N, C-alpha and C. Protein backbone atom coordinates (compact mmCIF):
# COMPACT_ATOMS: atom_id res chain seq x y z
N UNK A 1 -11.49 -4.60 53.43
CA UNK A 1 -12.07 -3.59 53.36
C UNK A 1 -11.82 -1.61 53.43
N UNK A 2 -11.24 -2.42 54.49
CA UNK A 2 -10.72 -0.22 54.53
C UNK A 2 -9.47 -0.39 54.24
N UNK A 3 -8.35 -1.22 54.37
CA UNK A 3 -7.64 -2.00 53.70
C UNK A 3 -7.43 -1.15 52.26
N UNK A 4 -8.30 -1.45 51.03
CA UNK A 4 -8.85 -0.86 50.14
C UNK A 4 -8.78 -0.05 49.60
N UNK A 5 -9.10 0.85 50.62
CA UNK A 5 -10.33 2.57 50.85
C UNK A 5 -9.01 3.12 50.78
N UNK A 6 -8.13 2.43 51.69
CA UNK A 6 -6.81 3.12 51.91
C UNK A 6 -6.23 3.32 51.04
N UNK A 7 -5.47 2.43 50.13
CA UNK A 7 -5.04 1.53 49.09
C UNK A 7 -5.64 2.90 47.50
N UNK A 8 -7.29 2.99 47.87
CA UNK A 8 -7.78 3.43 46.77
C UNK A 8 -7.27 4.78 46.75
N UNK A 9 -7.44 5.47 48.13
CA UNK A 9 -7.33 6.93 48.43
C UNK A 9 -5.52 7.14 48.20
N UNK A 10 -5.03 6.33 48.62
CA UNK A 10 -3.36 6.45 48.07
C UNK A 10 -2.85 6.41 46.83
N UNK A 11 -4.03 5.42 45.99
CA UNK A 11 -3.35 6.09 44.88
C UNK A 11 -4.25 7.35 43.22
N UNK A 12 -4.85 7.45 44.48
CA UNK A 12 -5.76 8.23 43.64
C UNK A 12 -4.45 9.92 44.29
N UNK A 13 -4.06 9.88 44.87
CA UNK A 13 -3.60 11.08 45.42
C UNK A 13 -2.31 10.85 44.41
N UNK A 14 -1.82 10.26 44.75
CA UNK A 14 -0.33 10.17 44.47
C UNK A 14 -0.47 10.11 42.74
N UNK A 15 -1.85 10.49 41.75
CA UNK A 15 -2.07 10.46 41.27
C UNK A 15 -2.43 11.42 40.76
N UNK A 16 -2.53 12.41 41.45
CA UNK A 16 -3.25 13.67 42.08
C UNK A 16 -2.30 14.49 41.57
N UNK A 17 -1.37 14.49 42.27
CA UNK A 17 0.08 14.60 42.96
C UNK A 17 1.10 14.98 41.43
N UNK A 18 1.21 13.85 40.69
CA UNK A 18 1.83 13.35 39.67
C UNK A 18 0.98 14.51 38.52
N UNK A 19 -0.33 14.04 38.07
CA UNK A 19 -0.41 14.74 37.52
C UNK A 19 -0.32 16.38 37.24
N UNK A 20 -0.96 17.29 38.64
CA UNK A 20 -0.31 18.15 39.46
C UNK A 20 1.37 18.45 39.03
N UNK A 21 3.03 18.05 39.15
CA UNK A 21 3.74 17.40 38.53
C UNK A 21 3.61 18.10 37.32
N UNK A 22 3.42 17.20 36.56
CA UNK A 22 3.29 17.36 34.83
C UNK A 22 2.85 18.60 34.60
N UNK A 23 1.42 19.42 34.97
CA UNK A 23 0.96 20.17 34.60
C UNK A 23 2.42 21.72 35.05
N UNK A 24 2.88 21.42 35.46
CA UNK A 24 3.18 22.45 35.85
C UNK A 24 4.59 22.57 34.49
N UNK A 25 4.66 21.86 33.59
CA UNK A 25 5.38 22.12 32.40
C UNK A 25 5.23 23.08 31.59
N UNK A 26 3.88 23.15 31.40
CA UNK A 26 2.85 24.61 31.24
C UNK A 26 3.07 25.42 31.21
N UNK A 27 3.91 25.80 31.64
CA UNK A 27 4.37 27.39 32.12
C UNK A 27 4.31 28.41 30.72
N UNK A 28 4.50 28.70 29.79
CA UNK A 28 4.78 29.20 28.56
C UNK A 28 3.13 29.15 27.70
N UNK A 29 1.63 30.23 27.79
CA UNK A 29 0.99 29.81 27.49
C UNK A 29 0.84 31.41 26.58
N UNK A 30 -0.21 31.70 25.88
CA UNK A 30 -0.40 33.52 25.04
C UNK A 30 -0.72 34.33 26.17
N UNK A 31 0.16 35.07 26.19
CA UNK A 31 -1.00 36.08 27.09
C UNK A 31 -1.94 37.02 26.49
N UNK A 32 -3.06 36.51 26.30
CA UNK A 32 -3.82 37.63 25.40
C UNK A 32 -4.40 38.04 26.40
N UNK A 33 -4.19 38.55 28.07
CA UNK A 33 -4.47 39.87 28.43
C UNK A 33 -3.73 41.06 28.64
N UNK A 34 -2.35 41.25 27.42
CA UNK A 34 -1.54 42.44 27.83
C UNK A 34 -1.24 42.05 26.09
N UNK A 35 -1.36 41.38 25.99
CA UNK A 35 -0.89 41.40 24.20
C UNK A 35 -2.64 40.53 23.45
N UNK A 36 -3.34 41.60 22.44
CA UNK A 36 -4.23 41.31 21.66
C UNK A 36 -3.67 39.68 20.28
N UNK A 37 -4.26 38.47 20.44
CA UNK A 37 -3.94 37.36 19.84
C UNK A 37 -5.12 37.52 18.78
N UNK A 38 -4.77 37.28 18.09
CA UNK A 38 -5.69 37.00 16.92
C UNK A 38 -5.82 35.29 15.60
N UNK A 39 -6.68 34.57 15.15
CA UNK A 39 -6.50 34.07 13.79
C UNK A 39 -6.92 33.70 13.00
N UNK A 40 -6.09 33.85 11.62
CA UNK A 40 -6.14 34.36 10.58
C UNK A 40 -6.27 33.05 9.34
N UNK A 41 -6.27 33.59 8.53
CA UNK A 41 -5.93 32.07 7.44
C UNK A 41 -5.07 32.77 6.54
N UNK A 42 -3.85 32.25 5.71
CA UNK A 42 -2.75 32.93 4.95
C UNK A 42 -3.21 32.00 3.03
N UNK A 43 -3.71 33.53 2.76
CA UNK A 43 -4.40 32.53 1.17
C UNK A 43 -3.39 33.02 0.53
N UNK A 44 -2.29 34.03 1.11
CA UNK A 44 -0.87 33.74 -0.71
C UNK A 44 0.13 33.15 0.61
N UNK A 45 -0.61 31.71 0.40
CA UNK A 45 0.44 30.41 0.91
C UNK A 45 1.77 30.10 0.42
N UNK A 46 2.10 30.67 -1.14
CA UNK A 46 3.38 30.39 -1.92
C UNK A 46 4.86 30.79 -1.45
N UNK A 47 3.43 32.68 -0.93
CA UNK A 47 4.71 33.82 0.17
C UNK A 47 5.30 33.01 1.05
N UNK A 48 4.40 32.35 2.26
CA UNK A 48 5.29 31.39 3.73
C UNK A 48 5.95 30.81 3.36
N UNK A 49 7.26 30.97 3.73
CA UNK A 49 8.45 31.01 3.38
C UNK A 49 9.63 30.49 4.67
N UNK A 50 10.84 30.36 3.91
CA UNK A 50 10.81 30.32 5.61
C UNK A 50 11.68 32.14 5.68
N UNK A 51 11.84 32.50 4.81
CA UNK A 51 12.00 34.36 4.84
C UNK A 51 11.50 34.84 6.39
N UNK A 52 10.38 34.88 6.05
CA UNK A 52 9.12 35.42 6.40
C UNK A 52 8.72 34.25 7.71
N UNK A 53 9.25 33.49 7.57
CA UNK A 53 8.45 32.95 9.01
C UNK A 53 9.98 33.52 9.52
N UNK A 54 11.14 33.19 9.46
CA UNK A 54 12.45 33.50 10.43
C UNK A 54 12.13 35.49 10.88
N UNK A 55 11.49 36.10 10.33
CA UNK A 55 10.89 37.39 10.16
C UNK A 55 9.82 37.32 11.35
N UNK A 56 8.51 37.02 11.33
CA UNK A 56 8.29 36.47 12.25
C UNK A 56 8.65 35.62 13.68
N UNK A 57 9.73 35.24 13.91
CA UNK A 57 10.26 34.41 15.16
C UNK A 57 11.06 35.60 15.75
N UNK A 58 11.16 37.06 14.70
CA UNK A 58 12.01 37.40 15.53
C UNK A 58 11.29 38.31 16.32
N UNK A 59 10.62 38.81 15.46
CA UNK A 59 9.00 39.83 16.68
C UNK A 59 8.79 39.11 17.33
N UNK A 60 8.34 37.21 17.52
CA UNK A 60 7.87 36.73 18.20
C UNK A 60 9.03 36.55 19.85
N UNK A 61 10.35 36.17 19.21
CA UNK A 61 11.08 35.97 20.35
C UNK A 61 11.50 37.59 21.35
N UNK A 62 11.95 37.92 20.84
CA UNK A 62 11.66 39.87 20.63
C UNK A 62 11.28 40.60 22.25
N UNK A 63 10.07 39.77 22.04
CA UNK A 63 9.16 40.39 23.50
C UNK A 63 8.60 38.50 23.83
N UNK A 64 8.50 37.91 23.69
CA UNK A 64 9.13 36.33 24.89
C UNK A 64 6.94 36.18 23.90
N UNK A 65 7.15 36.25 22.92
CA UNK A 65 5.44 35.68 22.15
C UNK A 65 5.43 34.40 21.92
N UNK A 66 4.57 34.33 20.97
CA UNK A 66 3.61 32.73 21.03
C UNK A 66 2.91 33.03 19.54
N UNK A 67 3.86 32.20 18.30
CA UNK A 67 3.23 31.52 17.32
C UNK A 67 2.59 30.59 16.90
N UNK A 68 1.63 30.28 16.72
CA UNK A 68 0.84 28.78 16.10
C UNK A 68 0.75 29.08 14.75
N UNK A 69 1.35 28.21 13.87
CA UNK A 69 0.85 28.07 12.43
C UNK A 69 1.08 26.22 12.50
N UNK A 70 -0.75 26.20 11.63
CA UNK A 70 -1.40 25.26 11.87
C UNK A 70 -2.45 24.99 10.61
N UNK A 71 -2.03 23.24 10.17
CA UNK A 71 -2.42 23.07 8.79
C UNK A 71 -3.93 22.42 9.12
N UNK A 72 -4.91 22.67 8.99
CA UNK A 72 -6.51 22.27 8.88
C UNK A 72 -6.83 21.30 7.48
N UNK A 73 -7.20 20.34 7.68
CA UNK A 73 -7.85 19.76 7.02
C UNK A 73 -9.52 18.64 7.59
N UNK A 74 -10.33 19.25 6.40
CA UNK A 74 -11.82 18.82 6.20
C UNK A 74 -12.26 18.03 4.91
N UNK A 75 -12.16 17.32 4.93
CA UNK A 75 -13.16 16.11 4.44
C UNK A 75 -11.12 16.12 2.96
N UNK A 76 -11.38 16.48 1.62
CA UNK A 76 -10.55 16.42 0.86
C UNK A 76 -9.73 17.86 1.08
N UNK A 77 -10.43 19.37 1.69
CA UNK A 77 -10.61 20.84 1.24
C UNK A 77 -9.52 20.57 2.48
N UNK A 78 -8.38 22.06 2.59
CA UNK A 78 -7.00 21.76 3.47
C UNK A 78 -6.91 23.89 3.63
N UNK A 79 -6.74 24.64 4.23
CA UNK A 79 -6.28 25.41 5.12
C UNK A 79 -5.52 25.73 5.74
N UNK A 80 -4.38 26.72 5.50
CA UNK A 80 -3.18 26.98 6.25
C UNK A 80 -3.60 28.20 7.44
N UNK A 81 -3.46 27.83 8.92
CA UNK A 81 -3.54 29.34 9.64
C UNK A 81 -2.77 29.72 10.37
N UNK A 82 -2.32 31.10 10.90
CA UNK A 82 -1.94 30.97 11.96
C UNK A 82 -2.40 32.38 13.38
N UNK A 83 -1.62 31.57 14.27
CA UNK A 83 -2.77 32.31 15.38
C UNK A 83 -1.20 32.44 15.87
N UNK A 84 -1.58 34.40 16.61
CA UNK A 84 -0.07 34.82 17.15
C UNK A 84 -0.85 36.78 17.19
N UNK A 85 -0.28 37.39 18.20
CA UNK A 85 -0.22 38.86 18.33
C UNK A 85 -0.72 39.69 17.08
N UNK A 86 -1.63 40.40 16.90
CA UNK A 86 -2.15 41.38 15.63
C UNK A 86 -1.21 42.42 15.42
N UNK A 87 -0.39 42.73 16.36
CA UNK A 87 0.58 43.65 16.59
C UNK A 87 0.96 43.14 15.13
N UNK A 88 1.98 41.58 15.43
CA UNK A 88 3.18 41.77 14.64
C UNK A 88 2.53 40.84 13.07
N UNK A 89 1.50 40.44 13.96
CA UNK A 89 1.00 40.13 11.72
C UNK A 89 0.77 40.92 11.41
N UNK A 90 0.23 41.51 11.87
CA UNK A 90 -0.53 42.89 10.97
C UNK A 90 0.85 43.38 9.82
N UNK A 91 2.34 43.09 10.42
CA UNK A 91 3.19 43.29 9.31
C UNK A 91 2.85 43.13 8.06
N UNK A 92 2.40 41.85 8.13
CA UNK A 92 2.29 40.89 6.81
C UNK A 92 1.57 40.79 6.38
N UNK A 93 0.30 41.27 6.71
CA UNK A 93 -1.03 40.88 6.35
C UNK A 93 -0.90 41.54 4.78
N UNK A 94 -0.06 42.17 4.35
CA UNK A 94 -0.61 42.05 2.52
C UNK A 94 0.58 40.96 2.01
N UNK A 95 1.85 41.01 2.01
CA UNK A 95 2.10 39.15 2.01
C UNK A 95 1.57 38.88 1.73
N UNK A 96 1.08 37.86 3.06
CA UNK A 96 0.78 36.40 2.98
C UNK A 96 -1.35 36.93 2.41
N UNK A 97 -1.82 38.41 2.70
CA UNK A 97 -3.29 38.21 2.09
C UNK A 97 -3.40 37.96 3.15
N UNK A 98 -3.66 38.44 4.11
CA UNK A 98 -4.63 37.52 5.55
C UNK A 98 -5.76 38.34 6.01
N UNK A 99 -6.32 36.77 6.33
CA UNK A 99 -7.55 37.47 6.62
C UNK A 99 -7.96 36.08 8.11
N UNK A 100 -8.48 37.34 9.09
CA UNK A 100 -9.06 37.32 10.20
C UNK A 100 -10.22 36.30 10.06
N UNK A 101 -9.86 35.27 11.00
CA UNK A 101 -11.44 33.63 11.43
C UNK A 101 -11.57 34.05 12.91
N UNK A 102 -12.65 33.54 13.02
CA UNK A 102 -13.16 32.82 14.01
C UNK A 102 -12.28 31.36 14.76
N UNK A 103 -11.38 31.79 15.85
CA UNK A 103 -11.25 30.67 16.42
C UNK A 103 -11.96 29.44 16.38
N UNK A 104 -11.98 28.20 15.18
CA UNK A 104 -12.35 27.36 15.42
C UNK A 104 -11.71 25.93 16.75
N UNK A 105 -10.79 26.75 16.87
CA UNK A 105 -10.17 24.80 18.62
C UNK A 105 -11.67 25.70 19.37
N UNK A 106 -12.04 26.90 19.88
CA UNK A 106 -12.57 27.03 20.54
C UNK A 106 -13.92 26.45 20.60
N UNK A 107 -14.79 25.50 19.33
CA UNK A 107 -15.94 24.91 19.40
C UNK A 107 -15.34 23.59 19.22
N UNK A 108 -14.31 23.42 19.22
CA UNK A 108 -13.73 21.78 19.77
C UNK A 108 -14.15 20.67 21.08
N UNK A 109 -15.11 19.70 21.67
CA UNK A 109 -14.97 19.28 22.37
C UNK A 109 -14.15 18.22 22.88
N UNK A 110 -13.89 17.52 23.93
CA UNK A 110 -12.84 16.73 23.56
C UNK A 110 -13.94 15.46 24.53
N UNK A 111 -15.66 15.56 24.28
CA UNK A 111 -16.10 13.80 23.97
C UNK A 111 -15.46 13.49 22.25
N UNK A 112 -15.47 14.66 21.22
CA UNK A 112 -15.86 13.80 19.95
C UNK A 112 -13.62 14.23 19.14
N UNK A 113 -13.61 14.48 19.54
CA UNK A 113 -11.97 15.25 20.00
C UNK A 113 -10.70 14.00 20.50
N UNK A 114 -9.79 13.54 19.64
CA UNK A 114 -9.03 13.19 20.86
C UNK A 114 -7.53 14.06 20.09
N UNK A 115 -7.00 14.37 21.16
CA UNK A 115 -5.83 15.90 20.99
C UNK A 115 -4.59 14.32 21.62
N UNK A 116 -3.36 14.97 20.38
CA UNK A 116 -2.47 13.90 21.58
C UNK A 116 -0.96 14.98 20.54
N UNK A 117 0.75 15.01 22.33
CA UNK A 117 0.79 15.49 20.91
C UNK A 117 2.32 14.58 20.87
N UNK A 118 3.19 16.44 19.96
CA UNK A 118 4.14 14.30 18.76
C UNK A 118 5.49 15.20 19.55
N UNK A 119 6.46 14.88 19.35
CA UNK A 119 7.69 14.67 19.62
C UNK A 119 8.77 13.47 18.63
N UNK A 120 9.92 14.49 18.92
CA UNK A 120 11.13 13.89 17.91
C UNK A 120 12.14 12.24 18.52
N UNK A 121 11.37 11.44 17.81
CA UNK A 121 12.10 9.62 18.28
C UNK A 121 13.53 10.19 19.09
N UNK A 122 14.51 10.79 17.46
CA UNK A 122 15.74 10.66 18.23
C UNK A 122 16.42 12.49 17.31
N UNK A 123 15.95 13.19 18.73
CA UNK A 123 15.82 15.51 18.46
C UNK A 123 17.23 15.22 18.08
N UNK A 124 18.96 14.43 18.26
CA UNK A 124 19.90 15.08 17.68
C UNK A 124 20.22 14.33 16.37
N UNK A 125 19.42 13.24 15.91
CA UNK A 125 19.66 13.01 14.76
C UNK A 125 18.93 13.28 13.76
N UNK A 126 18.30 14.76 13.22
CA UNK A 126 17.40 15.13 12.73
C UNK A 126 17.70 14.58 11.70
N UNK A 127 16.16 14.14 10.86
CA UNK A 127 16.37 13.85 9.15
C UNK A 127 15.21 14.14 8.49
N UNK A 128 15.85 15.57 7.59
CA UNK A 128 15.34 17.14 6.54
C UNK A 128 13.93 16.41 6.15
N UNK A 129 14.69 14.50 5.42
CA UNK A 129 14.20 13.76 4.76
C UNK A 129 12.37 13.26 4.88
N UNK A 130 12.70 12.69 5.94
CA UNK A 130 11.33 12.83 6.52
C UNK A 130 11.08 13.50 7.28
N UNK A 131 11.04 14.64 6.99
CA UNK A 131 10.49 16.24 8.01
C UNK A 131 9.72 16.70 6.37
N UNK A 132 10.33 16.15 5.72
CA UNK A 132 9.60 17.03 4.53
C UNK A 132 8.14 16.52 3.97
N UNK A 133 7.36 16.72 4.02
CA UNK A 133 5.82 16.76 3.44
C UNK A 133 5.47 15.66 4.12
N UNK A 134 5.31 15.21 5.58
CA UNK A 134 4.30 13.96 5.28
C UNK A 134 3.14 13.73 5.41
N UNK A 135 2.70 14.94 4.74
CA UNK A 135 0.49 14.53 4.46
C UNK A 135 1.26 13.63 3.44
N UNK A 136 1.71 13.46 2.43
CA UNK A 136 2.01 12.35 1.70
C UNK A 136 1.09 10.92 2.92
N UNK A 137 1.47 11.09 3.60
CA UNK A 137 1.06 9.54 4.35
C UNK A 137 0.16 9.90 4.55
N UNK A 138 -0.75 10.31 4.64
CA UNK A 138 -2.05 10.87 5.07
C UNK A 138 -3.19 10.08 4.42
N UNK A 139 -4.42 9.11 5.23
CA UNK A 139 -5.17 8.52 4.70
C UNK A 139 -6.50 9.64 4.73
N UNK A 140 -6.99 8.67 3.86
CA UNK A 140 -8.00 9.48 3.27
C UNK A 140 -9.34 10.40 4.23
N UNK A 141 -9.66 11.19 4.43
CA UNK A 141 -10.56 11.56 5.16
C UNK A 141 -11.68 11.88 4.05
N UNK A 142 -12.62 11.62 4.88
CA UNK A 142 -14.20 11.89 4.13
C UNK A 142 -14.28 12.87 4.92
N UNK A 143 -16.00 13.69 3.91
CA UNK A 143 -16.55 15.30 4.92
C UNK A 143 -16.72 15.54 6.00
N UNK A 144 -16.92 14.00 6.85
CA UNK A 144 -17.29 14.50 8.49
C UNK A 144 -15.92 14.69 9.04
N UNK A 145 -14.77 13.95 8.29
CA UNK A 145 -13.79 14.16 9.14
C UNK A 145 -12.95 15.36 9.03
N UNK A 146 -12.34 15.63 10.08
CA UNK A 146 -11.40 17.48 10.67
C UNK A 146 -10.42 16.84 11.53
N UNK A 147 -9.14 17.23 10.52
CA UNK A 147 -7.20 16.57 10.91
C UNK A 147 -7.42 17.87 11.14
N UNK A 148 -6.03 18.17 12.18
CA UNK A 148 -5.44 19.49 12.54
C UNK A 148 -4.34 19.16 12.66
N UNK A 149 -3.52 20.29 12.83
CA UNK A 149 -2.14 19.84 12.72
C UNK A 149 -0.81 21.25 12.77
N UNK A 150 -0.76 21.46 14.38
CA UNK A 150 -0.40 22.67 15.26
C UNK A 150 0.76 22.78 15.13
N UNK A 151 1.79 23.16 15.41
CA UNK A 151 2.83 24.66 15.25
C UNK A 151 2.78 25.54 16.29
N UNK A 152 3.81 24.70 17.23
CA UNK A 152 3.80 26.25 17.81
C UNK A 152 5.07 27.03 18.45
N UNK A 153 5.03 28.28 18.53
CA UNK A 153 6.27 28.50 18.58
C UNK A 153 7.02 29.50 19.27
N UNK A 154 7.82 29.28 20.72
CA UNK A 154 7.82 29.96 21.90
C UNK A 154 9.17 30.75 21.81
N UNK A 155 9.69 31.35 22.67
CA UNK A 155 10.98 31.94 22.51
C UNK A 155 12.08 30.24 22.33
N UNK A 156 12.48 30.23 21.61
CA UNK A 156 13.56 28.65 21.77
C UNK A 156 12.60 27.49 22.34
N UNK A 157 11.74 27.73 21.75
CA UNK A 157 10.07 26.02 21.96
C UNK A 157 9.78 25.76 20.91
N UNK A 158 9.62 24.47 20.69
CA UNK A 158 8.79 23.78 19.36
C UNK A 158 8.10 22.69 20.40
N UNK A 159 6.76 23.23 20.21
CA UNK A 159 5.64 22.59 19.84
C UNK A 159 4.49 21.72 19.21
N UNK A 160 4.74 20.43 19.53
CA UNK A 160 3.21 19.87 17.83
C UNK A 160 2.65 19.26 18.37
N UNK A 161 0.81 19.71 18.15
CA UNK A 161 0.33 18.25 18.58
C UNK A 161 -0.63 18.76 17.15
N UNK A 162 -2.23 17.32 17.46
CA UNK A 162 -2.29 17.19 16.43
C UNK A 162 -3.56 16.90 17.62
N UNK A 163 -4.93 17.16 17.01
CA UNK A 163 -6.32 16.63 17.29
C UNK A 163 -6.95 16.24 15.72
N UNK A 164 -8.00 14.94 16.14
CA UNK A 164 -8.88 14.27 15.35
C UNK A 164 -10.34 14.50 15.57
N UNK A 165 -11.11 15.05 14.81
CA UNK A 165 -12.41 15.10 15.21
C UNK A 165 -13.48 14.85 14.15
N UNK A 166 -14.71 13.44 14.72
CA UNK A 166 -15.64 13.25 14.20
C UNK A 166 -16.72 12.27 14.46
N UNK A 167 -17.87 12.53 14.82
CA UNK A 167 -18.83 12.82 15.98
C UNK A 167 -18.81 11.24 16.48
N UNK A 168 -18.45 10.29 14.69
CA UNK A 168 -18.82 8.71 14.80
C UNK A 168 -17.32 8.38 16.42
N UNK A 169 -17.58 7.71 17.16
CA UNK A 169 -16.17 7.02 17.12
C UNK A 169 -15.98 5.40 17.07
N UNK A 170 -16.53 4.91 15.61
CA UNK A 170 -15.70 4.22 15.06
C UNK A 170 -14.86 4.77 13.74
N UNK A 171 -15.17 5.91 13.57
CA UNK A 171 -14.17 6.17 12.54
C UNK A 171 -13.12 6.74 13.16
N UNK A 172 -13.20 7.88 14.31
CA UNK A 172 -11.80 7.50 15.26
C UNK A 172 -10.90 6.42 15.38
N UNK A 173 -11.59 5.39 16.26
CA UNK A 173 -10.92 3.93 16.78
C UNK A 173 -10.35 3.84 15.10
N UNK A 174 -10.28 3.98 13.54
CA UNK A 174 -10.01 3.86 12.48
C UNK A 174 -9.09 4.10 11.84
N UNK A 175 -9.30 6.24 11.72
CA UNK A 175 -8.35 6.67 12.07
C UNK A 175 -7.16 7.17 12.10
N UNK A 176 -7.60 7.38 14.15
CA UNK A 176 -6.05 7.86 14.49
C UNK A 176 -5.44 7.40 14.96
N UNK A 177 -4.85 5.47 14.65
CA UNK A 177 -3.83 5.33 14.87
C UNK A 177 -3.14 5.24 13.12
N UNK A 178 -3.96 5.90 12.31
CA UNK A 178 -3.30 6.52 11.39
C UNK A 178 -2.46 7.62 11.07
N UNK A 179 -3.37 8.42 11.93
CA UNK A 179 -2.79 9.91 12.09
C UNK A 179 -1.52 10.01 12.26
N UNK A 180 -1.68 8.93 13.91
CA UNK A 180 -0.28 8.98 14.92
C UNK A 180 1.02 8.69 14.24
N UNK A 181 0.78 7.77 13.23
CA UNK A 181 2.06 7.70 12.06
C UNK A 181 2.25 8.21 10.60
N UNK A 182 2.12 9.30 10.64
CA UNK A 182 1.70 10.23 9.51
C UNK A 182 3.93 10.63 9.30
N UNK A 183 4.84 10.34 10.98
CA UNK A 183 6.03 10.82 10.96
C UNK A 183 6.69 9.73 10.49
N UNK A 184 7.08 8.84 9.55
CA UNK A 184 7.18 7.87 8.97
C UNK A 184 8.74 7.22 10.13
N UNK A 185 8.00 7.09 11.13
CA UNK A 185 9.30 6.70 12.41
C UNK A 185 10.41 7.97 13.25
N UNK A 186 9.66 8.92 12.96
CA UNK A 186 10.97 10.11 12.53
C UNK A 186 10.14 11.02 14.00
N UNK A 187 8.64 10.94 13.63
CA UNK A 187 7.77 11.77 15.01
C UNK A 187 7.26 11.17 15.27
N UNK A 188 6.75 11.40 16.66
CA UNK A 188 6.06 9.82 17.38
C UNK A 188 4.88 10.43 18.61
N UNK A 189 4.06 9.95 19.04
CA UNK A 189 3.21 10.40 19.70
C UNK A 189 3.94 9.69 21.18
N UNK A 190 3.91 11.09 21.84
CA UNK A 190 4.77 10.90 23.23
C UNK A 190 3.69 10.60 24.21
N UNK A 191 3.35 9.81 25.34
CA UNK A 191 2.56 10.25 26.03
C UNK A 191 2.29 11.14 27.46
N UNK A 192 1.10 11.27 27.75
CA UNK A 192 0.77 12.54 28.91
C UNK A 192 0.26 12.58 29.61
N UNK A 193 0.29 12.33 30.86
CA UNK A 193 -0.35 11.49 32.38
C UNK A 193 -1.49 12.41 31.97
N UNK A 194 -2.53 13.29 31.09
CA UNK A 194 -3.87 14.57 31.01
C UNK A 194 -4.77 13.24 30.68
N UNK A 195 -5.64 14.03 31.07
CA UNK A 195 -7.11 13.69 30.26
C UNK A 195 -7.42 14.77 29.27
N UNK A 196 -8.20 14.15 28.58
CA UNK A 196 -9.09 14.15 27.47
C UNK A 196 -8.87 15.76 27.51
N UNK A 197 -9.67 16.24 27.94
CA UNK A 197 -10.32 17.37 28.73
C UNK A 197 -9.24 18.39 28.79
N UNK A 198 -8.31 18.53 29.68
CA UNK A 198 -6.74 19.04 30.11
C UNK A 198 -6.16 18.42 28.19
N UNK A 199 -5.73 17.89 27.69
CA UNK A 199 -5.17 18.34 26.59
C UNK A 199 -6.47 19.11 25.63
N UNK A 200 -6.92 18.61 25.48
CA UNK A 200 -8.41 20.49 24.50
C UNK A 200 -7.92 20.84 25.02
N UNK A 201 -7.81 21.34 26.29
CA UNK A 201 -7.80 22.99 26.32
C UNK A 201 -6.20 23.54 26.57
N UNK A 202 -5.04 22.36 26.76
CA UNK A 202 -3.91 22.75 26.16
C UNK A 202 -3.01 23.26 24.95
N UNK A 203 -4.11 22.76 23.45
CA UNK A 203 -4.68 23.05 22.06
C UNK A 203 -5.48 24.10 22.16
N UNK A 204 -6.71 24.72 22.54
CA UNK A 204 -6.47 25.25 22.34
C UNK A 204 -6.00 25.79 22.92
N UNK A 205 -4.84 26.38 23.64
CA UNK A 205 -4.21 28.05 24.33
C UNK A 205 -3.13 28.12 23.40
N UNK A 206 -2.73 27.27 23.06
CA UNK A 206 -2.02 26.50 22.26
C UNK A 206 -0.22 27.36 22.96
N UNK A 207 -0.49 26.24 23.96
CA UNK A 207 0.53 27.05 24.83
C UNK A 207 1.68 25.47 24.84
N UNK A 208 2.34 26.44 25.04
CA UNK A 208 4.18 25.19 25.13
C UNK A 208 5.21 24.58 26.58
N UNK A 209 4.96 23.55 26.53
CA UNK A 209 5.08 22.79 27.27
C UNK A 209 7.09 23.30 27.71
N UNK A 210 7.33 23.55 28.62
CA UNK A 210 9.06 23.09 28.90
C UNK A 210 9.58 21.55 28.28
N UNK A 211 9.13 20.26 28.46
CA UNK A 211 9.27 19.83 28.47
C UNK A 211 8.61 19.16 26.59
N UNK A 212 8.52 19.84 25.37
CA UNK A 212 7.94 19.68 24.71
C UNK A 212 8.02 18.10 23.45
N UNK A 213 9.12 17.85 24.05
CA UNK A 213 9.66 16.46 23.51
C UNK A 213 10.12 17.23 22.05
N UNK A 214 10.90 18.04 21.86
CA UNK A 214 10.73 18.61 20.13
C UNK A 214 12.08 19.59 20.32
N UNK A 215 13.15 19.49 19.88
CA UNK A 215 14.59 20.00 19.73
C UNK A 215 13.72 21.37 18.71
N UNK A 216 14.07 22.69 19.22
CA UNK A 216 14.19 23.92 18.33
C UNK A 216 14.17 23.41 16.34
N UNK A 217 13.35 23.45 16.11
CA UNK A 217 13.60 23.58 14.92
C UNK A 217 14.43 24.69 13.32
N UNK A 218 14.55 25.30 11.98
CA UNK A 218 14.72 25.86 12.33
C UNK A 218 13.29 26.24 11.31
N UNK A 219 13.68 27.40 9.90
CA UNK A 219 12.68 28.00 9.83
C UNK A 219 12.39 26.53 8.99
N UNK A 220 13.13 26.32 7.85
CA UNK A 220 13.17 25.89 6.87
C UNK A 220 12.23 24.24 7.92
N UNK A 221 12.98 23.84 8.61
CA UNK A 221 12.25 22.50 9.20
C UNK A 221 10.51 22.99 9.24
N UNK A 222 10.19 23.96 9.43
CA UNK A 222 8.64 24.10 10.44
C UNK A 222 8.29 23.72 8.52
N UNK A 223 8.61 24.99 7.81
CA UNK A 223 7.96 25.23 7.04
C UNK A 223 7.41 23.56 5.86
N UNK A 224 8.71 23.09 6.40
CA UNK A 224 8.22 21.50 5.99
C UNK A 224 7.40 20.37 6.52
N UNK A 225 7.13 20.93 7.97
CA UNK A 225 6.29 20.55 8.97
C UNK A 225 4.67 20.37 8.03
N UNK A 226 4.52 22.10 7.29
CA UNK A 226 3.23 22.30 7.54
C UNK A 226 2.89 22.30 5.85
N UNK A 227 3.88 22.00 5.11
CA UNK A 227 2.93 22.63 3.78
C UNK A 227 2.57 20.82 3.70
N UNK A 228 1.67 20.69 1.52
CA UNK A 228 1.16 19.12 1.53
C UNK A 228 1.58 19.62 0.26
């Protein structure tokens, strides 16, 4: 009995150390204490092209800030939003017809929401064709189904996450495997040694991992990843 207790404590200790070591990868998060961030709906979606994204990234990289572009789905409805520094996004408010929103991510809970990270299967051989309109493989969502697609940009970093919300656990079991396979083999789910609560926290923070599993994507590739 004592031997089993020792072995159990040893396993728990090793697991904790591995998780702590993995957590160190998450070193870059939006510095909300020094920079005011906000969430905005992009109402002039046709103006959100690679040229505007290039300009946004120049501002972000110059000050080592973070920008998150997110495609939100609820049933048959969809919206494109951007989370970033207000002082930067203010320069594009007219061209993109930005509308400030409450942060939906703050209301998500890990009990009813599954969150996962996405990486490139072969980062040295990116197929733009497979990145183009990945939502064409979307399963049909019912009115209570909510799917969130998050592309976070740091300085020379790209992080992709997805999340699915529905209080019905059976519905989650059916749809999540289909949603994890949107990338036609190009984009794959990355296994992470974190709890559901921790993964939800990373999504809400829009943090960027040093080992995100993604190469630095061009603005053209990023706009492909969020368009429908």
